[in-house]
C-alpha atoms as a PDB file:
ATOM      1  CA  MET A   1     -63.115  67.778  37.711  1.00  0.00           C
ATOM      2  CA  THR A   2     -61.794  71.236  36.807  1.00  0.00           C
ATOM      3  CA  ALA A   3     -59.590  70.091  33.905  1.00  0.00           C
ATOM      4  CA  ALA A   4     -62.763  69.323  31.905  1.00  0.00           C
ATOM      5  CA  ILE A   5     -64.075  72.893  32.223  1.00  0.00           C
ATOM      6  CA  GLY A   6     -63.431  75.875  29.968  1.00  0.00           C
ATOM      7  CA  VAL A   7     -62.843  79.041  32.013  1.00  0.00           C
ATOM      8  CA  VAL A   8     -63.563  82.544  30.690  1.00  0.00           C
ATOM      9  CA  LEU A   9     -61.951  85.291  32.777  1.00  0.00           C
ATOM     10  CA  ASP A  10     -63.274  88.860  32.788  1.00  0.00           C
ATOM     11  CA  LYS A  11     -60.164  90.756  33.897  1.00  0.00           C
ATOM     12  CA  ASN A  12     -62.039  94.029  34.415  1.00  0.00           C
ATOM     13  CA  ALA A  13     -64.687  92.582  36.722  1.00  0.00           C
ATOM     14  CA  ASN A  14     -62.349  89.896  38.096  1.00  0.00           C
ATOM     15  CA  THR A  15     -65.003  87.218  37.515  1.00  0.00           C
ATOM     16  CA  GLN A  16     -65.007  83.815  35.872  1.00  0.00           C
ATOM     17  CA  ARG A  17     -67.618  82.001  33.785  1.00  0.00           C
ATOM     18  CA  PHE A  18     -67.465  78.346  32.869  1.00  0.00           C
ATOM     19  CA  PHE A  19     -68.153  76.111  29.879  1.00  0.00           C
ATOM     20  CA  GLY A  20     -69.217  72.627  30.924  1.00  0.00           C
ATOM     21  CA  ALA A  21     -70.004  73.399  34.548  1.00  0.00           C
ATOM     22  CA  GLY A  22     -72.924  74.615  36.569  1.00  0.00           C
ATOM     23  CA  ASN A  23     -76.281  73.454  37.800  1.00  0.00           C
ATOM     24  CA  ASN A  24     -77.905  72.843  34.409  1.00  0.00           C
ATOM     25  CA  LYS A  25     -77.335  69.139  33.676  1.00  0.00           C
ATOM     26  CA  ASP A  26     -78.922  69.512  30.209  1.00  0.00           C
ATOM     27  CA  VAL A  27     -75.954  71.558  28.959  1.00  0.00           C
ATOM     28  CA  GLN A  28     -73.312  69.498  27.168  1.00  0.00           C
ATOM     29  CA  GLY A  29     -69.685  69.660  28.219  1.00  0.00           C
ATOM     30  CA  HIS A  30     -66.450  67.715  28.319  1.00  0.00           C
ATOM     31  CA  THR A  31     -66.308  64.416  30.161  1.00  0.00           C
ATOM     32  CA  ASP A  32     -62.515  64.305  30.559  1.00  0.00           C
ATOM     33  CA  ASP A  33     -59.487  66.617  30.636  1.00  0.00           C
ATOM     34  CA  ILE A  34     -59.249  69.338  27.976  1.00  0.00           C
ATOM     35  CA  THR A  35     -55.989  68.882  26.033  1.00  0.00           C
ATOM     36  CA  ALA A  36     -56.345  71.408  23.186  1.00  0.00           C
ATOM     37  CA  LEU A  37     -57.926  74.845  22.772  1.00  0.00           C
ATOM     38  CA  ALA A  38     -58.188  77.442  20.013  1.00  0.00           C
ATOM     39  CA  ILE A  39     -59.924  80.801  19.731  1.00  0.00           C
ATOM     40  CA  SER A  40     -61.500  81.785  16.415  1.00  0.00           C
ATOM     41  CA  PRO A  41     -59.996  84.677  14.419  1.00  0.00           C
ATOM     42  CA  ASN A  42     -62.988  86.899  15.318  1.00  0.00           C
ATOM     43  CA  ARG A  43     -62.666  85.851  18.975  1.00  0.00           C
ATOM     44  CA  ASP A  44     -66.360  84.943  19.095  1.00  0.00           C
ATOM     45  CA  LEU A  45     -65.931  81.150  19.246  1.00  0.00           C
ATOM     46  CA  VAL A  46     -63.723  78.693  21.119  1.00  0.00           C
ATOM     47  CA  VAL A  47     -63.014  75.071  20.272  1.00  0.00           C
ATOM     48  CA  THR A  48     -61.788  72.665  22.948  1.00  0.00           C
ATOM     49  CA  GLY A  49     -60.776  69.016  22.609  1.00  0.00           C
ATOM     50  CA  GLN A  50     -60.339  66.368  25.259  1.00  0.00           C
ATOM     51  CA  VAL A  51     -58.509  63.183  26.149  1.00  0.00           C
ATOM     52  CA  GLY A  52     -60.264  59.786  25.999  1.00  0.00           C
ATOM     53  CA  SER A  53     -60.687  56.603  24.009  1.00  0.00           C
ATOM     54  CA  LYS A  54     -63.116  58.481  21.734  1.00  0.00           C
ATOM     55  CA  PRO A  55     -62.155  62.174  22.121  1.00  0.00           C
ATOM     56  CA  ILE A  56     -64.762  64.898  21.717  1.00  0.00           C
ATOM     57  CA  LEU A  57     -64.398  68.514  20.614  1.00  0.00           C
ATOM     58  CA  TYR A  58     -66.865  71.310  21.302  1.00  0.00           C
ATOM     59  CA  VAL A  59     -67.267  74.679  19.595  1.00  0.00           C
ATOM     60  CA  TRP A  60     -68.724  77.138  22.114  1.00  0.00           C
ATOM     61  CA  ASN A  61     -69.372  80.832  22.643  1.00  0.00           C
ATOM     62  CA  PRO A  62     -67.103  82.527  25.223  1.00  0.00           C
ATOM     63  CA  SER A  63     -69.685  85.327  25.644  1.00  0.00           C
ATOM     64  CA  ASN A  64     -72.200  82.762  26.913  1.00  0.00           C
ATOM     65  CA  PRO A  65     -70.224  79.682  28.015  1.00  0.00           C
ATOM     66  CA  GLU A  66     -73.105  78.390  30.158  1.00  0.00           C
ATOM     67  CA  ALA A  67     -75.252  77.776  27.036  1.00  0.00           C
ATOM     68  CA  ASN A  68     -75.187  74.606  24.989  1.00  0.00           C
ATOM     69  CA  PRO A  69     -72.232  74.447  22.580  1.00  0.00           C
ATOM     70  CA  VAL A  70     -72.554  75.465  18.934  1.00  0.00           C
ATOM     71  CA  CYS A  71     -71.615  71.923  17.912  1.00  0.00           C
ATOM     72  CA  ARG A  72     -69.952  68.703  19.004  1.00  0.00           C
ATOM     73  CA  MET A  73     -67.312  66.903  16.946  1.00  0.00           C
ATOM     74  CA  ASP A  74     -66.248  63.287  17.482  1.00  0.00           C
ATOM     75  CA  MET A  75     -62.665  62.297  16.679  1.00  0.00           C
ATOM     76  CA  GLY A  76     -63.544  58.595  16.600  1.00  0.00           C
ATOM     77  CA  ARG A  77     -62.414  55.561  18.511  1.00  0.00           C
ATOM     78  CA  GLY A  78     -58.723  55.083  19.264  1.00  0.00           C
ATOM     79  CA  LYS A  79     -57.539  58.671  18.843  1.00  0.00           C
ATOM     80  CA  ARG A  80     -56.678  58.894  22.628  1.00  0.00           C
ATOM     81  CA  ALA A  81     -56.673  62.714  22.752  1.00  0.00           C
ATOM     82  CA  VAL A  82     -56.769  65.909  20.733  1.00  0.00           C
ATOM     83  CA  THR A  83     -53.205  67.241  20.549  1.00  0.00           C
ATOM     84  CA  ALA A  84     -53.804  70.323  18.393  1.00  0.00           C
ATOM     85  CA  VAL A  85     -56.791  72.250  17.067  1.00  0.00           C
ATOM     86  CA  CYS A  86     -57.338  75.400  14.988  1.00  0.00           C
ATOM     87  CA  PHE A  87     -60.128  77.370  13.280  1.00  0.00           C
ATOM     88  CA  SER A  88     -59.832  78.294   9.609  1.00  0.00           C
ATOM     89  CA  ASN A  89     -59.640  82.051   9.019  1.00  0.00           C
ATOM     90  CA  ASP A  90     -63.231  82.169   7.761  1.00  0.00           C
ATOM     91  CA  GLN A  91     -64.278  80.145  10.849  1.00  0.00           C
ATOM     92  CA  THR A  92     -66.119  77.547   8.748  1.00  0.00           C
ATOM     93  CA  LYS A  93     -63.710  74.692   9.447  1.00  0.00           C
ATOM     94  CA  VAL A  94     -61.779  73.227  12.374  1.00  0.00           C
ATOM     95  CA  ALA A  95     -58.646  71.099  11.941  1.00  0.00           C
ATOM     96  CA  ALA A  96     -57.861  68.720  14.809  1.00  0.00           C
ATOM     97  CA  VAL A  97     -55.066  66.207  15.333  1.00  0.00           C
ATOM     98  CA  GLY A  98     -55.405  62.972  17.305  1.00  0.00           C
ATOM     99  CA  LEU A  99     -52.910  61.193  19.531  1.00  0.00           C
ATOM    100  CA  ASP A 100     -53.406  57.857  17.744  1.00  0.00           C
ATOM    101  CA  ASP A 101     -50.418  55.964  16.307  1.00  0.00           C
ATOM    102  CA  ASP A 102     -50.909  57.665  12.917  1.00  0.00           C
ATOM    103  CA  HIS A 103     -51.576  61.144  14.403  1.00  0.00           C
ATOM    104  CA  THR A 104     -54.642  61.534  12.219  1.00  0.00           C
ATOM    105  CA  VAL A 105     -55.666  65.046  11.173  1.00  0.00           C
ATOM    106  CA  ILE A 106     -59.413  65.597  10.747  1.00  0.00           C
ATOM    107  CA  VAL A 107     -61.136  68.634   9.250  1.00  0.00           C
ATOM    108  CA  PHE A 108     -64.646  69.338  10.579  1.00  0.00           C
ATOM    109  CA  ASP A 109     -67.448  71.691   9.604  1.00  0.00           C
ATOM    110  CA  ALA A 110     -67.310  74.229  12.481  1.00  0.00           C
ATOM    111  CA  ALA A 111     -71.064  74.904  12.456  1.00  0.00           C
ATOM    112  CA  ARG A 112     -72.438  71.377  12.123  1.00  0.00           C
ATOM    113  CA  GLY A 113     -69.637  69.236  13.569  1.00  0.00           C
ATOM    114  CA  ASN A 114     -69.556  66.741  10.716  1.00  0.00           C
ATOM    115  CA  GLN A 115     -66.240  65.403   9.451  1.00  0.00           C
ATOM    116  CA  LEU A 116     -65.260  66.812   6.042  1.00  0.00           C
ATOM    117  CA  CYS A 117     -62.039  64.844   5.468  1.00  0.00           C
ATOM    118  CA  SER A 118     -59.108  63.188   7.244  1.00  0.00           C
ATOM    119  CA  ASP A 119     -55.681  61.688   6.657  1.00  0.00           C
ATOM    120  CA  LYS A 120     -52.770  60.169   8.549  1.00  0.00           C
ATOM    121  CA  THR A 121     -49.889  62.533   9.305  1.00  0.00           C
ATOM    122  CA  GLY A 122     -47.438  59.740  10.149  1.00  0.00           C
ATOM    123  CA  PRO A 123     -45.724  58.188  13.172  1.00  0.00           C
ATOM    124  CA  ASP A 124     -44.254  61.401  14.629  1.00  0.00           C
ATOM    125  CA  LYS A 125     -46.216  63.393  17.199  1.00  0.00           C
ATOM    126  CA  VAL A 126     -47.977  66.528  15.920  1.00  0.00           C
ATOM    127  CA  LEU A 127     -47.782  69.501  18.294  1.00  0.00           C
ATOM    128  CA  ASP A 128     -49.604  72.261  16.411  1.00  0.00           C
ATOM    129  CA  VAL A 129     -51.844  73.050  13.464  1.00  0.00           C
ATOM    130  CA  ALA A 130     -52.360  76.445  11.789  1.00  0.00           C
ATOM    131  CA  TRP A 131     -54.488  77.571   8.843  1.00  0.00           C
ATOM    132  CA  CYS A 132     -53.182  79.895   6.141  1.00  0.00           C
ATOM    133  CA  GLN A 133     -54.596  83.414   6.013  1.00  0.00           C
ATOM    134  CA  SER A 134     -56.966  82.519   3.200  1.00  0.00           C
ATOM    135  CA  GLY A 135     -58.211  79.463   1.405  1.00  0.00           C
ATOM    136  CA  ASN A 136     -58.277  75.814   2.350  1.00  0.00           C
ATOM    137  CA  ARG A 137     -54.626  75.289   3.282  1.00  0.00           C
ATOM    138  CA  PHE A 138     -53.113  74.545   6.670  1.00  0.00           C
ATOM    139  CA  CYS A 139     -49.900  73.225   8.186  1.00  0.00           C
ATOM    140  CA  THR A 140     -49.182  70.616  10.860  1.00  0.00           C
ATOM    141  CA  VAL A 141     -45.898  70.683  12.779  1.00  0.00           C
ATOM    142  CA  GLY A 142     -44.355  68.466  15.413  1.00  0.00           C
ATOM    143  CA  ILE A 143     -41.450  66.240  16.318  1.00  0.00           C
ATOM    144  CA  LYS A 144     -39.612  65.577  13.028  1.00  0.00           C
ATOM    145  CA  HIS A 145     -42.772  66.645  11.230  1.00  0.00           C
ATOM    146  CA  VAL A 146     -43.817  69.549   8.988  1.00  0.00           C
ATOM    147  CA  CYS A 147     -46.606  69.033   6.471  1.00  0.00           C
ATOM    148  CA  PHE A 148     -48.694  71.370   4.332  1.00  0.00           C
ATOM    149  CA  TRP A 149     -52.273  70.309   3.577  1.00  0.00           C
ATOM    150  CA  GLU A 150     -55.070  71.423   1.288  1.00  0.00           C
ATOM    151  CA  VAL A 151     -58.764  70.607   1.532  1.00  0.00           C
ATOM    152  CA  THR A 152     -59.903  69.862  -2.031  1.00  0.00           C
ATOM    153  CA  ASN A 153     -63.209  68.304  -3.091  1.00  0.00           C
ATOM    154  CA  GLY A 154     -63.782  66.664   0.303  1.00  0.00           C
ATOM    155  CA  ALA A 155     -60.265  65.230   0.570  1.00  0.00           C
ATOM    156  CA  LEU A 156     -56.938  66.220   2.093  1.00  0.00           C
ATOM    157  CA  THR A 157     -53.870  66.436  -0.123  1.00  0.00           C
ATOM    158  CA  LYS A 158     -50.287  66.931   1.025  1.00  0.00           C
END
């Protein structure tokens, strides 16, 4: 099942390393196809999200992809897949969008994996999410959809 594996390519050595694969069965990894990926601004973390009835995201280190992930984040039942994901500029938060009927956006703590806040984006599919250069603001975009969000006191406001 290669679509559930994160691949890190070393172009200089022409070698590959893998997140979620290998002989160590104690290491956590995706159980279904990866549908979204983002690299942190400092390029020292990766977040990947998968398809499934209860999609999972993992934050992991591309320098040591064989190790256990930094954290696991659960989108919750009925989200179907992660369609878009992004780190905040300070790398403390991850915004992820589900493929549920309401295209729910969830903001997670990037170190612990706990959900900080969430809201429905609406009926139109969301294709991307991007954080502003500073602060707690981000934008979701998609088919007939553009929305600006702010994380304030544990809640999302449009």
